[in-house]
N, C-alpha and C. Protein backbone atom coordinates (compact mmCIF):
# COMPACT_ATOMS: atom_id res chain seq x y z
N MET A 1 121.28 230.90 101.94
CA MET A 1 122.33 231.94 102.35
C MET A 1 123.57 231.94 104.00
N GLN A 2 123.77 232.27 103.55
CA GLN A 2 125.23 232.12 104.78
C GLN A 2 124.93 233.47 105.43
N ILE A 3 124.74 233.69 106.72
CA ILE A 3 124.78 235.27 107.38
C ILE A 3 126.48 235.09 108.08
N ILE A 4 126.89 236.47 107.69
CA ILE A 4 128.00 236.83 108.37
C ILE A 4 127.55 237.73 109.62
N TRP A 5 128.84 237.71 110.73
CA TRP A 5 128.27 238.76 111.80
C TRP A 5 129.66 239.31 111.82
N ASP A 6 129.61 240.83 112.04
CA ASP A 6 130.41 241.93 111.73
C ASP A 6 130.81 242.73 112.41
N ALA A 7 130.65 241.93 114.02
CA ALA A 7 130.38 242.12 115.35
C ALA A 7 130.95 243.81 115.82
N PRO A 8 132.27 244.03 116.29
CA PRO A 8 131.89 244.92 116.77
C PRO A 8 132.02 246.01 116.29
N GLU A 9 132.11 247.21 116.81
CA GLU A 9 131.76 248.36 117.43
C GLU A 9 130.77 249.37 116.04
N SER A 10 129.80 247.54 115.69
CA SER A 10 128.60 248.36 115.10
C SER A 10 126.97 248.55 116.40
N GLU A 11 127.38 248.71 117.66
CA GLU A 11 126.87 249.06 118.45
C GLU A 11 125.74 247.70 118.33
N HIS A 12 125.51 246.86 117.35
CA HIS A 12 124.55 245.57 118.02
C HIS A 12 122.93 245.82 116.62
N TRP A 13 122.25 246.87 117.31
CA TRP A 13 121.16 247.24 117.64
C TRP A 13 120.85 247.83 116.83
N GLY A 14 119.96 248.82 116.34
CA GLY A 14 120.21 250.72 116.30
C GLY A 14 120.62 251.00 115.40
N THR A 15 121.65 250.23 114.05
CA THR A 15 122.24 250.58 113.07
C THR A 15 121.86 249.91 111.86
N GLN A 16 121.37 250.60 110.35
CA GLN A 16 119.95 249.70 109.15
C GLN A 16 121.11 249.19 109.03
N ALA A 17 123.32 249.23 108.92
CA ALA A 17 123.27 247.87 108.48
C ALA A 17 124.86 247.64 108.24
N ARG A 18 124.97 246.59 108.74
CA ARG A 18 126.50 246.52 109.61
C ARG A 18 128.20 247.08 108.17
N CYS A 19 129.23 246.67 108.59
CA CYS A 19 130.05 247.48 107.72
C CYS A 19 131.26 246.42 107.78
N HIS A 20 132.19 246.41 106.61
CA HIS A 20 132.97 245.22 106.85
C HIS A 20 133.99 246.20 106.94
N TYR A 21 135.01 245.91 107.41
CA TYR A 21 136.02 246.87 107.67
C TYR A 21 137.89 246.25 107.42
N VAL A 22 138.41 247.00 106.29
CA VAL A 22 139.04 246.36 105.11
C VAL A 22 139.98 247.70 105.43
N SER A 23 140.90 246.44 106.16
CA SER A 23 142.49 247.11 106.10
C SER A 23 142.99 247.49 104.79
N THR A 24 143.84 248.37 105.32
CA THR A 24 145.12 248.77 103.73
C THR A 24 146.08 248.47 104.93
N THR A 25 146.27 248.24 105.89
CA THR A 25 147.84 247.50 106.47
C THR A 25 148.00 246.01 106.70
N GLN A 26 148.82 245.43 106.31
CA GLN A 26 148.88 243.93 107.17
C GLN A 26 148.06 243.65 107.61
N THR A 27 147.58 243.11 107.96
CA THR A 27 146.84 242.05 108.83
C THR A 27 147.38 241.59 109.85
N PRO A 28 148.32 241.99 111.05
CA PRO A 28 148.54 240.56 111.89
C PRO A 28 147.52 239.08 111.43
N PRO A 29 148.86 238.46 110.52
CA PRO A 29 148.46 237.22 110.03
C PRO A 29 147.93 235.91 111.22
N VAL A 30 148.59 235.57 111.99
CA VAL A 30 148.62 234.45 112.48
C VAL A 30 147.33 234.59 114.18
N LEU A 31 147.41 235.63 114.51
CA LEU A 31 145.94 236.56 115.10
C LEU A 31 144.93 236.54 114.11
N ALA A 32 145.19 237.07 114.49
CA ALA A 32 144.06 236.85 112.80
C ALA A 32 143.88 235.09 112.51
N ALA A 33 144.53 234.82 112.25
CA ALA A 33 143.94 233.31 111.72
C ALA A 33 143.10 232.88 113.69
N GLU A 34 143.82 233.07 114.64
CA GLU A 34 143.83 231.96 115.65
C GLU A 34 142.50 232.78 115.93
N LEU A 35 141.77 233.95 115.86
CA LEU A 35 141.25 234.13 116.39
C LEU A 35 139.76 233.66 115.49
N ALA A 36 139.92 233.34 113.57
CA ALA A 36 139.20 232.56 112.95
C ALA A 36 138.93 231.57 113.78
N GLN A 37 139.92 230.48 114.27
CA GLN A 37 139.86 229.17 114.02
C GLN A 37 138.72 229.24 116.17
N ALA A 38 139.04 229.98 116.56
CA ALA A 38 138.43 230.53 117.92
C ALA A 38 136.60 230.25 117.68
N TRP A 39 136.92 231.11 116.89
CA TRP A 39 135.14 231.37 116.33
C TRP A 39 134.95 229.83 115.53
N ALA A 40 135.74 229.36 114.87
CA ALA A 40 135.57 227.97 114.71
C ALA A 40 135.30 227.23 115.77
N ASP A 41 135.39 227.06 116.98
CA ASP A 41 135.36 226.28 118.20
C ASP A 41 134.15 226.38 118.45
N ILE A 42 134.22 227.41 118.41
CA ILE A 42 132.75 228.12 119.25
C ILE A 42 131.56 227.24 118.39
N GLN A 43 131.38 227.66 116.70
CA GLN A 43 130.71 227.26 115.95
C GLN A 43 130.03 225.95 116.40
N ARG A 44 131.18 224.83 116.13
CA ARG A 44 130.86 223.40 116.69
C ARG A 44 129.92 222.48 117.94
N TYR A 45 130.09 223.96 118.90
CA TYR A 45 129.50 223.82 119.79
C TYR A 45 127.81 224.43 119.23
N HIS A 46 127.94 225.28 118.46
CA HIS A 46 126.86 225.91 118.15
C HIS A 46 126.37 226.62 116.52
N PRO A 47 126.19 225.68 116.06
CA PRO A 47 126.22 225.34 114.76
C PRO A 47 125.24 226.87 114.13
N GLU A 48 124.67 227.65 114.62
CA GLU A 48 123.76 228.70 114.84
C GLU A 48 123.97 229.83 114.63
N LEU A 49 125.77 230.02 114.99
CA LEU A 49 126.89 231.03 114.94
C LEU A 49 127.04 231.47 113.80
N PRO A 50 126.55 232.16 112.93
CA PRO A 50 127.61 232.88 111.90
C PRO A 50 128.45 233.15 111.80
N ASP A 51 129.26 233.49 110.40
CA ASP A 51 130.49 233.29 110.17
C ASP A 51 131.04 234.69 110.75
N LEU A 52 132.11 234.87 111.43
CA LEU A 52 132.68 236.34 111.52
C LEU A 52 133.60 236.62 111.01
N ALA A 53 132.89 237.66 109.91
CA ALA A 53 133.65 238.14 108.45
C ALA A 53 134.49 239.19 109.01
N ALA A 54 135.14 239.77 109.70
CA ALA A 54 135.90 240.13 109.83
C ALA A 54 137.34 239.75 111.08
N PRO A 55 137.68 238.98 111.06
CA PRO A 55 138.68 238.68 112.92
C PRO A 55 139.32 239.52 113.05
N GLU A 56 140.21 240.31 111.68
CA GLU A 56 141.19 241.20 112.50
C GLU A 56 140.54 242.41 112.88
N SER A 57 139.78 243.09 112.87
CA SER A 57 139.12 243.96 113.29
C SER A 57 138.62 244.06 114.87
N LEU A 58 138.58 242.85 115.32
CA LEU A 58 138.52 242.74 117.00
C LEU A 58 139.83 243.25 117.20
N ILE A 59 141.00 243.15 116.66
CA ILE A 59 142.79 243.51 117.19
C ILE A 59 142.48 244.78 117.20
N GLY A 60 142.79 244.94 118.00
CA GLY A 60 143.33 246.97 118.91
C GLY A 60 141.88 247.35 118.48
N GLU A 61 140.74 246.60 118.64
CA GLU A 61 139.44 247.56 118.87
C GLU A 61 139.45 247.36 120.62
N SER A 62 138.53 248.03 121.47
CA SER A 62 137.89 247.47 121.87
C SER A 62 136.25 248.71 122.43
N SER A 63 135.33 248.03 122.74
CA SER A 63 134.33 248.16 123.59
C SER A 63 133.95 249.14 124.88
N SER A 64 133.63 249.82 125.17
CA SER A 64 132.74 250.15 126.65
C SER A 64 132.24 249.28 127.71
N ALA A 65 131.24 248.79 126.59
CA ALA A 65 129.81 247.55 126.68
C ALA A 65 130.49 247.11 126.33
N CYS A 66 131.22 246.85 125.82
CA CYS A 66 131.49 244.74 125.67
C CYS A 66 132.43 244.31 126.28
N GLY A 67 133.46 244.81 126.44
CA GLY A 67 135.33 244.67 126.80
C GLY A 67 135.93 245.44 125.89
N HIS A 68 136.95 245.76 127.24
CA HIS A 68 138.24 246.71 126.62
C HIS A 68 139.09 245.58 125.45
N GLU A 69 139.56 244.63 126.74
CA GLU A 69 140.96 243.29 126.41
C GLU A 69 140.13 242.51 125.29
N LEU A 70 140.74 242.00 124.28
CA LEU A 70 141.13 241.27 123.49
C LEU A 70 140.95 239.82 124.25
N SER A 71 140.30 239.12 124.68
CA SER A 71 140.41 237.60 125.38
C SER A 71 139.67 236.80 124.80
N PHE A 72 139.49 235.14 125.30
CA PHE A 72 138.97 234.51 124.46
C PHE A 72 137.04 234.59 125.45
N GLU A 73 137.13 235.15 126.27
CA GLU A 73 135.59 235.76 127.08
C GLU A 73 135.71 236.54 126.25
N ARG A 74 136.14 238.31 125.50
CA ARG A 74 135.55 238.48 125.27
C ARG A 74 135.11 238.68 123.81
N LEU A 75 135.93 237.27 123.46
CA LEU A 75 135.74 236.48 121.97
C LEU A 75 133.69 235.87 122.04
N LEU A 76 133.58 235.36 123.15
CA LEU A 76 132.70 234.94 123.35
C LEU A 76 131.34 235.01 123.44
N HIS A 77 131.91 236.76 124.43
CA HIS A 77 130.88 238.06 124.21
C HIS A 77 130.27 237.89 123.04
N GLU A 78 131.19 238.53 121.62
CA GLU A 78 130.69 238.78 120.71
C GLU A 78 129.42 237.57 119.58
N ALA A 79 130.57 236.43 120.73
CA ALA A 79 129.71 235.33 119.53
C ALA A 79 128.28 235.18 120.94
N VAL A 80 127.37 235.80 121.33
CA VAL A 80 126.28 236.36 122.28
C VAL A 80 125.51 236.75 121.15
N HIS A 81 126.07 238.03 121.30
CA HIS A 81 125.64 238.97 120.28
C HIS A 81 125.32 238.29 118.44
N GLY A 82 126.14 237.26 118.05
CA GLY A 82 125.86 236.73 116.53
C GLY A 82 124.86 235.53 116.79
N VAL A 83 124.43 235.37 117.51
CA VAL A 83 124.00 234.23 117.86
C VAL A 83 122.18 235.10 118.43
N ALA A 84 122.44 235.84 118.90
CA ALA A 84 121.14 236.95 119.03
C ALA A 84 120.41 237.04 117.99
N ALA A 85 121.91 237.69 116.86
CA ALA A 85 121.41 238.45 115.63
C ALA A 85 120.66 237.01 114.08
N ALA A 86 121.71 235.96 114.61
CA ALA A 86 121.04 234.65 114.08
C ALA A 86 119.06 234.60 114.40
N ARG A 87 118.76 234.48 115.54
CA ARG A 87 117.98 234.12 115.34
C ARG A 87 116.77 235.68 115.55
N GLY A 88 117.00 236.82 115.72
CA GLY A 88 116.49 238.04 115.76
C GLY A 88 115.89 238.71 116.82
N VAL A 89 116.76 238.64 117.94
CA VAL A 89 116.55 238.59 119.26
C VAL A 89 117.11 240.28 119.71
N ARG A 90 116.89 240.93 119.85
CA ARG A 90 117.53 242.47 120.07
C ARG A 90 117.78 242.15 121.49
N ASP A 91 118.95 241.71 121.97
CA ASP A 91 119.88 241.85 122.87
C ASP A 91 120.47 242.75 123.61
N THR A 92 120.11 243.93 123.47
CA THR A 92 120.72 245.41 123.56
C THR A 92 120.02 246.70 123.75
N SER A 93 120.21 247.56 124.07
CA SER A 93 119.41 248.79 123.84
C SER A 93 120.47 249.25 124.21
N ARG A 94 119.64 250.92 124.22
CA ARG A 94 120.78 252.56 124.19
C ARG A 94 121.59 252.45 123.15
N ALA A 95 121.40 252.03 122.40
CA ALA A 95 122.42 252.11 121.09
C ALA A 95 123.54 251.03 121.57
N GLY A 96 122.83 250.03 121.72
CA GLY A 96 124.59 248.60 121.97
C GLY A 96 124.92 248.51 123.38
N ARG A 97 124.05 249.77 124.38
CA ARG A 97 125.77 249.73 125.53
C ARG A 97 124.66 248.84 126.40
N TYR A 98 123.11 248.73 126.64
CA TYR A 98 122.67 247.87 127.88
C TYR A 98 122.25 246.77 127.02
N HIS A 99 122.91 245.79 127.54
CA HIS A 99 123.24 244.14 127.91
C HIS A 99 121.47 244.07 128.86
N ASN A 100 120.53 243.19 128.35
CA ASN A 100 119.62 243.23 129.02
C ASN A 100 119.36 241.93 128.62
N ARG A 101 118.46 240.66 129.69
CA ARG A 101 118.08 239.69 130.33
C ARG A 101 118.20 238.55 129.10
N ARG A 102 117.79 238.87 128.02
CA ARG A 102 117.49 237.83 126.78
C ARG A 102 119.03 237.85 126.08
N PHE A 103 119.73 238.76 126.23
CA PHE A 103 121.55 239.04 126.14
C PHE A 103 121.87 237.99 127.24
N LEU A 104 121.95 237.97 128.31
CA LEU A 104 121.94 236.17 129.10
C LEU A 104 121.91 235.83 129.24
N ALA A 105 120.64 235.37 128.81
CA ALA A 105 119.84 233.71 128.53
C ALA A 105 120.62 233.14 127.32
N ILE A 106 121.58 233.94 126.79
CA ILE A 106 122.16 233.49 125.11
C ILE A 106 122.99 233.38 126.03
N ALA A 107 124.32 233.79 127.07
CA ALA A 107 125.51 234.00 127.58
C ALA A 107 125.48 232.71 128.09
N GLU A 108 124.39 232.66 128.74
CA GLU A 108 123.76 231.19 129.76
C GLU A 108 124.66 229.92 128.87
N GLU A 109 123.94 229.65 127.24
CA GLU A 109 123.60 229.36 126.71
C GLU A 109 125.70 228.59 125.98
N LEU A 110 125.85 229.75 126.15
CA LEU A 110 127.24 229.77 125.60
C LEU A 110 128.40 229.40 126.61
N GLY A 111 127.96 229.59 127.66
CA GLY A 111 129.09 229.39 129.08
C GLY A 111 129.58 230.27 129.78
N LEU A 112 128.84 231.09 129.67
CA LEU A 112 128.40 232.65 130.35
C LEU A 112 127.66 232.58 131.37
N ASP A 113 128.41 233.61 132.92
CA ASP A 113 127.84 233.71 133.33
C ASP A 113 127.78 235.08 134.20
N HIS A 114 126.74 235.65 134.53
CA HIS A 114 126.67 237.52 135.29
C HIS A 114 126.55 237.07 137.48
N PRO A 115 126.94 236.94 137.12
CA PRO A 115 126.65 236.75 139.47
C PRO A 115 126.14 237.63 138.98
N GLU A 116 126.81 239.04 139.75
CA GLU A 116 126.32 239.99 140.40
C GLU A 116 124.87 240.66 139.01
N GLU A 117 124.30 241.84 140.12
CA GLU A 117 123.11 242.32 139.84
C GLU A 117 123.24 242.98 138.20
N PRO A 118 122.41 243.58 137.37
CA PRO A 118 122.45 244.71 136.64
C PRO A 118 124.01 245.24 136.93
N HIS A 119 124.57 245.87 135.64
CA HIS A 119 125.02 247.75 135.62
C HIS A 119 123.95 248.64 135.45
N PRO A 120 124.10 249.77 136.43
CA PRO A 120 122.75 250.69 135.74
C PRO A 120 123.10 251.06 134.58
N SER A 121 124.29 251.24 133.47
CA SER A 121 124.56 251.28 132.53
C SER A 121 124.73 250.44 131.42
N SER A 122 124.93 248.97 131.54
CA SER A 122 125.36 248.34 130.78
C SER A 122 125.15 246.66 130.92
N GLY A 123 123.92 246.67 131.49
CA GLY A 123 122.90 246.08 132.56
C GLY A 123 123.91 244.44 132.27
N PHE A 124 123.87 243.34 131.71
CA PHE A 124 125.03 242.00 131.91
C PHE A 124 125.41 242.28 131.20
N SER A 125 126.35 242.78 131.05
CA SER A 125 127.89 242.57 129.58
C SER A 125 128.85 242.15 130.65
N LEU A 126 129.10 242.45 131.56
CA LEU A 126 130.05 241.52 132.21
C LEU A 126 130.05 240.40 132.84
N VAL A 127 130.23 239.41 131.54
CA VAL A 127 129.50 238.27 131.89
C VAL A 127 130.90 238.04 132.00
N THR A 128 131.64 236.62 132.62
CA THR A 128 132.57 235.87 132.72
C THR A 128 131.83 234.22 132.03
N LEU A 129 134.07 233.83 132.08
CA LEU A 129 133.45 232.15 131.40
C LEU A 129 132.95 231.05 133.19
N THR A 130 132.18 230.80 132.97
CA THR A 130 131.22 229.26 133.74
C THR A 130 133.10 228.53 133.55
N PRO A 131 133.00 227.69 134.49
CA PRO A 131 133.80 226.63 134.52
C PRO A 131 133.65 225.50 133.59
N GLU A 132 132.55 225.18 133.39
CA GLU A 132 133.02 224.46 133.08
C GLU A 132 133.09 225.12 130.90
N ALA A 133 133.03 226.15 129.93
CA ALA A 133 133.30 226.65 129.47
C ALA A 133 134.80 226.45 129.58
N LYS A 134 135.82 226.79 130.90
CA LYS A 134 136.97 227.03 130.49
C LYS A 134 137.06 225.34 130.25
N ARG A 135 137.20 223.98 130.65
CA ARG A 135 136.93 222.95 130.27
C ARG A 135 136.92 222.61 129.23
N ARG A 136 135.86 222.87 128.30
CA ARG A 136 135.18 222.76 127.23
C ARG A 136 136.24 223.66 125.92
N TYR A 137 136.94 224.81 126.44
CA TYR A 137 137.68 225.14 125.84
C TYR A 137 139.18 225.82 125.91
N ARG A 138 139.78 224.82 127.03
CA ARG A 138 140.53 224.28 127.16
C ARG A 138 141.55 225.49 126.39
N PRO A 139 141.78 224.19 125.03
CA PRO A 139 143.08 223.71 123.90
C PRO A 139 142.92 225.52 123.30
N THR A 140 141.81 226.00 123.19
CA THR A 140 141.32 227.25 122.10
C THR A 140 142.47 228.13 122.87
N ILE A 141 141.59 227.99 124.18
CA ILE A 141 142.08 229.90 125.78
C ILE A 141 143.17 229.70 124.93
N GLU A 142 144.11 228.65 125.61
CA GLU A 142 145.60 228.22 125.55
C GLU A 142 146.17 228.90 124.15
N ARG A 143 145.72 228.24 123.27
CA ARG A 143 146.48 229.20 121.43
C ARG A 143 146.16 229.99 121.23
N LEU A 144 144.65 230.94 121.89
CA LEU A 144 144.33 232.06 121.73
C LEU A 144 144.97 232.52 122.67
N GLN A 145 145.55 232.06 124.09
CA GLN A 145 146.08 233.43 124.87
C GLN A 145 148.06 233.65 123.64
N ARG A 146 148.28 232.29 123.51
CA ARG A 146 149.92 232.30 123.15
C ARG A 146 150.06 233.61 121.78
N ALA A 147 148.77 233.49 121.01
CA ALA A 147 149.00 234.25 119.54
C ALA A 147 148.84 235.94 120.12
N LEU A 148 147.76 236.52 121.36
CA LEU A 148 148.15 237.46 122.34
C LEU A 148 149.45 238.14 122.65
N LYS A 149 149.90 236.70 123.20
CA LYS A 149 151.18 236.84 123.96
C LYS A 149 151.89 237.81 122.78
N ALA A 150 152.13 236.43 121.65
CA ALA A 150 152.83 237.34 120.62
C ALA A 150 152.82 237.95 120.10
N HIS A 151 151.75 238.26 119.49
CA HIS A 151 150.65 239.89 118.85
C HIS A 151 151.44 240.82 119.72
N THR A 152 151.17 241.07 121.81
CA THR A 152 151.45 242.05 122.47
C THR A 152 152.81 242.23 122.09
N ALA A 153 154.28 241.44 121.92
CA ALA A 153 155.05 241.27 122.15
C ALA A 153 155.87 241.98 120.78
N ALA A 154 155.48 241.92 119.85
CA ALA A 154 155.49 242.28 118.54
C ALA A 154 155.18 243.71 118.21
N THR A 155 153.71 244.36 118.80
CA THR A 155 153.76 245.66 118.50
C THR A 155 154.01 246.72 119.67
N SER A 156 154.37 245.78 121.08
CA SER A 156 155.58 246.74 121.68
C SER A 156 156.68 247.19 121.43
N SER A 157 157.50 246.21 120.53
CA SER A 157 158.34 246.81 119.92
C SER A 157 158.33 247.73 118.38
N ASP A 158 157.11 247.70 117.69
CA ASP A 158 157.12 248.14 117.28
C ASP A 158 156.72 250.19 117.27
N THR A 159 156.18 249.93 118.69
CA THR A 159 155.64 251.20 118.93
C THR A 159 156.82 252.17 119.69
N SER A 160 157.65 251.12 120.14
CA SER A 160 158.96 251.65 120.82
C SER A 160 160.07 252.41 119.53
N ARG A 161 159.21 252.40 118.02
CA ARG A 161 160.57 252.71 117.18
C ARG A 161 159.27 254.08 116.27
N THR A 162 158.33 253.89 116.46
CA THR A 162 157.25 254.98 115.99
C THR A 162 156.41 255.44 116.74
N PHE A 163 156.18 256.69 116.60
CA PHE A 163 154.86 257.85 116.86
C PHE A 163 153.80 257.85 116.40
N ARG A 164 152.94 257.22 117.21
CA ARG A 164 151.72 257.74 117.22
C ARG A 164 150.79 258.82 117.30
N GLY A 165 151.31 259.78 117.38
CA GLY A 165 150.69 260.43 118.42
C GLY A 165 149.30 260.35 119.11
N PRO A 166 148.18 261.49 119.04
CA PRO A 166 146.96 261.25 120.63
C PRO A 166 147.07 259.59 120.75
N ALA A 167 146.68 259.11 119.51
CA ALA A 167 146.50 257.57 119.55
C ALA A 167 147.79 256.51 120.55
N ALA A 168 148.44 257.32 120.72
CA ALA A 168 149.68 256.79 121.90
C ALA A 168 148.75 256.52 123.16
N ARG A 169 148.31 257.89 123.20
CA ARG A 169 148.46 258.47 124.55
C ARG A 169 146.84 257.70 124.64
N HIS A 170 145.90 257.93 124.28
CA HIS A 170 144.55 257.53 124.71
C HIS A 170 143.80 255.79 124.50
N GLY A 171 144.58 254.71 123.57
CA GLY A 171 144.70 253.83 123.27
C GLY A 171 143.91 254.14 121.49
N SER A 172 143.32 252.65 121.26
CA SER A 172 143.60 251.91 119.24
C SER A 172 142.36 253.35 119.66
N SER A 173 141.36 254.00 119.59
CA SER A 173 139.62 254.42 120.40
C SER A 173 140.53 256.34 119.38
N GLY A 174 141.60 256.36 119.32
CA GLY A 174 142.44 257.90 119.78
C GLY A 174 141.21 258.52 120.29
N GLY A 175 141.01 258.31 121.46
CA GLY A 175 140.35 260.02 122.59
C GLY A 175 138.80 259.41 122.51
N GLY A 176 138.18 258.51 121.93
CA GLY A 176 136.93 258.14 121.79
C GLY A 176 135.83 258.73 121.48
N VAL A 177 136.35 259.84 121.07
CA VAL A 177 134.75 261.44 120.52
C VAL A 177 135.01 260.79 119.00
N ARG A 178 133.22 260.13 119.20
CA ARG A 178 132.78 260.06 117.51
C ARG A 178 132.50 260.50 116.75
N VAL A 179 132.01 260.96 115.69
CA VAL A 179 131.60 261.31 114.46
C VAL A 179 130.85 260.78 113.55
N LYS A 180 130.13 261.02 112.58
CA LYS A 180 129.63 260.77 111.93
C LYS A 180 129.94 260.84 110.42
N ALA A 181 129.95 259.64 109.98
CA ALA A 181 130.84 259.72 108.36
C ALA A 181 129.70 258.88 107.88
N VAL A 182 129.96 259.41 106.36
CA VAL A 182 128.40 259.04 105.23
C VAL A 182 128.95 258.68 104.25
N CYS A 183 128.32 257.63 103.81
CA CYS A 183 128.95 256.87 102.53
C CYS A 183 128.19 257.24 100.69
N ASP A 184 128.65 257.21 100.01
CA ASP A 184 127.89 257.27 98.51
C ASP A 184 126.22 257.67 98.81
N CYS A 185 126.04 256.09 99.47
CA CYS A 185 124.22 255.78 99.25
C CYS A 185 123.78 256.43 100.46
N GLY A 186 124.56 257.18 101.18
CA GLY A 186 123.49 258.23 102.56
C GLY A 186 123.80 257.68 103.28
N ARG A 187 124.04 256.24 103.77
CA ARG A 187 124.07 255.17 105.27
C ARG A 187 125.09 256.20 106.08
N ASN A 188 125.27 255.54 106.89
CA ASN A 188 126.41 256.96 108.03
C ASN A 188 126.17 256.18 109.40
N VAL A 189 127.16 256.26 109.91
CA VAL A 189 127.61 255.37 111.03
C VAL A 189 128.62 256.47 111.86
N ARG A 190 128.98 256.19 113.22
CA ARG A 190 129.37 257.21 114.16
C ARG A 190 130.82 256.56 114.19
N VAL A 191 131.94 257.42 114.28
CA VAL A 191 133.81 256.65 113.92
C VAL A 191 133.96 257.67 115.20
N VAL A 192 135.33 257.08 114.89
CA VAL A 192 136.21 258.59 116.17
C VAL A 192 137.24 258.39 114.73
N PRO A 193 137.69 259.33 114.60
CA PRO A 193 138.29 259.42 113.36
C PRO A 193 139.71 259.23 112.80
N SER A 194 140.76 259.06 113.85
CA SER A 194 141.84 258.21 113.90
C SER A 194 141.42 256.81 113.68
N VAL A 195 140.40 256.30 113.92
CA VAL A 195 140.29 255.30 113.48
C VAL A 195 140.31 254.72 111.63
N LEU A 196 139.49 255.53 111.60
CA LEU A 196 139.15 256.40 110.78
C LEU A 196 139.87 255.68 109.34
N ALA A 197 140.91 256.51 110.56
CA ALA A 197 142.43 256.96 109.05
C ALA A 197 143.64 256.26 109.54
N GLN A 198 143.19 255.00 110.34
CA GLN A 198 143.42 254.00 109.58
C GLN A 198 143.98 252.52 108.57
N ALA A 199 142.12 252.42 108.80
CA ALA A 199 141.77 252.04 108.12
C ALA A 199 140.36 252.79 106.92
N PRO A 200 140.02 252.38 105.95
CA PRO A 200 138.78 251.91 105.68
C PRO A 200 137.39 251.59 105.81
N ILE A 201 136.58 251.99 106.33
CA ILE A 201 135.14 251.19 106.46
C ILE A 201 134.33 251.62 105.44
N VAL A 202 134.17 250.40 104.60
CA VAL A 202 133.19 249.68 103.99
C VAL A 202 132.09 250.07 103.77
N CYS A 203 130.54 250.24 103.20
CA CYS A 203 129.09 250.14 103.23
C CYS A 203 129.28 248.81 102.65
N GLY A 204 128.04 248.24 103.17
CA GLY A 204 128.15 247.11 102.38
C GLY A 204 127.07 246.66 101.88
N GLY A 205 126.62 247.45 101.93
CA GLY A 205 125.01 248.38 100.84
C GLY A 205 125.85 248.73 98.93
N CYS A 206 126.89 249.28 99.14
CA CYS A 206 127.19 250.50 97.90
C CYS A 206 128.64 249.64 98.43
N GLY A 207 129.20 249.34 98.81
CA GLY A 207 130.58 248.63 98.45
C GLY A 207 131.87 250.41 98.57
N LYS A 208 130.90 251.65 98.57
CA LYS A 208 132.13 252.61 98.74
C LYS A 208 132.29 253.21 100.46
N PRO A 209 133.67 253.74 100.00
CA PRO A 209 133.78 253.96 101.98
C PRO A 209 133.06 254.60 102.42
N PHE A 210 133.49 254.77 103.97
CA PHE A 210 132.65 256.30 104.28
C PHE A 210 133.65 257.08 104.56
N ARG A 211 132.73 258.54 105.17
CA ARG A 211 133.49 259.64 104.88
C ARG A 211 133.25 260.46 105.87
N ILE A 212 133.77 261.64 106.21
CA ILE A 212 133.37 262.37 107.18
C ILE A 212 133.68 263.34 106.83
N PRO A 213 132.10 264.36 106.35
CA PRO A 213 131.57 264.76 106.02
C PRO A 213 132.71 266.42 105.88
N ASP A 214 132.77 266.63 106.89
CA ASP A 214 133.56 267.68 106.87
C ASP A 214 134.71 268.10 106.95
N VAL A 215 135.08 266.40 107.13
CA VAL A 215 136.81 266.16 106.41
C VAL A 215 136.87 266.47 105.09
N VAL A 216 135.88 265.67 104.52
CA VAL A 216 136.00 266.16 103.06
C VAL A 216 135.74 267.50 102.24
N GLY A 217 134.97 268.38 103.45
CA GLY A 217 134.34 269.47 102.45
C GLY A 217 135.64 270.66 102.96
N ALA A 218 136.80 270.48 104.34
CA ALA A 218 137.93 270.51 104.33
C ALA A 218 138.95 270.75 103.19
N VAL A 219 139.18 269.79 102.67
CA VAL A 219 140.27 269.32 101.41
C VAL A 219 139.55 269.84 100.46
N ALA A 220 138.22 269.77 100.04
CA ALA A 220 137.93 270.69 98.62
C ALA A 220 138.73 271.47 99.18
N SER A 221 137.79 272.05 100.02
CA SER A 221 138.01 274.23 100.22
C SER A 221 139.68 274.37 99.99
């Protein structure tokens, strides 16, 4: 049996089903491929780490609990959650915001450190790469940094010619207010409407996209 880790924005524990992010626009192929390769590099040292289902879902997304800026450090943070899921370890609480000492223990195994006291709301979330991890993954870090730099340059040139409305002012989350979206089999997730408008979020159970009930009702009327 193959385990797939659907990492970001799933709030880790506290949701019954994980979701696959399916883009209706062209995925940034180079950056997504580099993210997948970097994940594979982590798996070479930690074989129990599940495969990453959708590397492109990390691009342009942020989490107040897991980090806003996409980097190898953020990717390794997500890998900690992946290993915890594979082991059946509950590494967070408070809807995925508070990272507990079980998270920290696995983070230290993977090469992350938290030198300060736990944060009142996010716990041991703000982990950083240890010197040993920086040496181990140096080629991976440099390769991913080049891809991130190229992606940033490309998307910056695109935004100078287009207007994205509220999402451009508030970041990729479009302001951060989440609402409930439901699928045909009754599962639900909380999502920012502007994020759902960018690409459908498909339920792994019924294979149907999640929809915001109020929006559906407004369209029907």
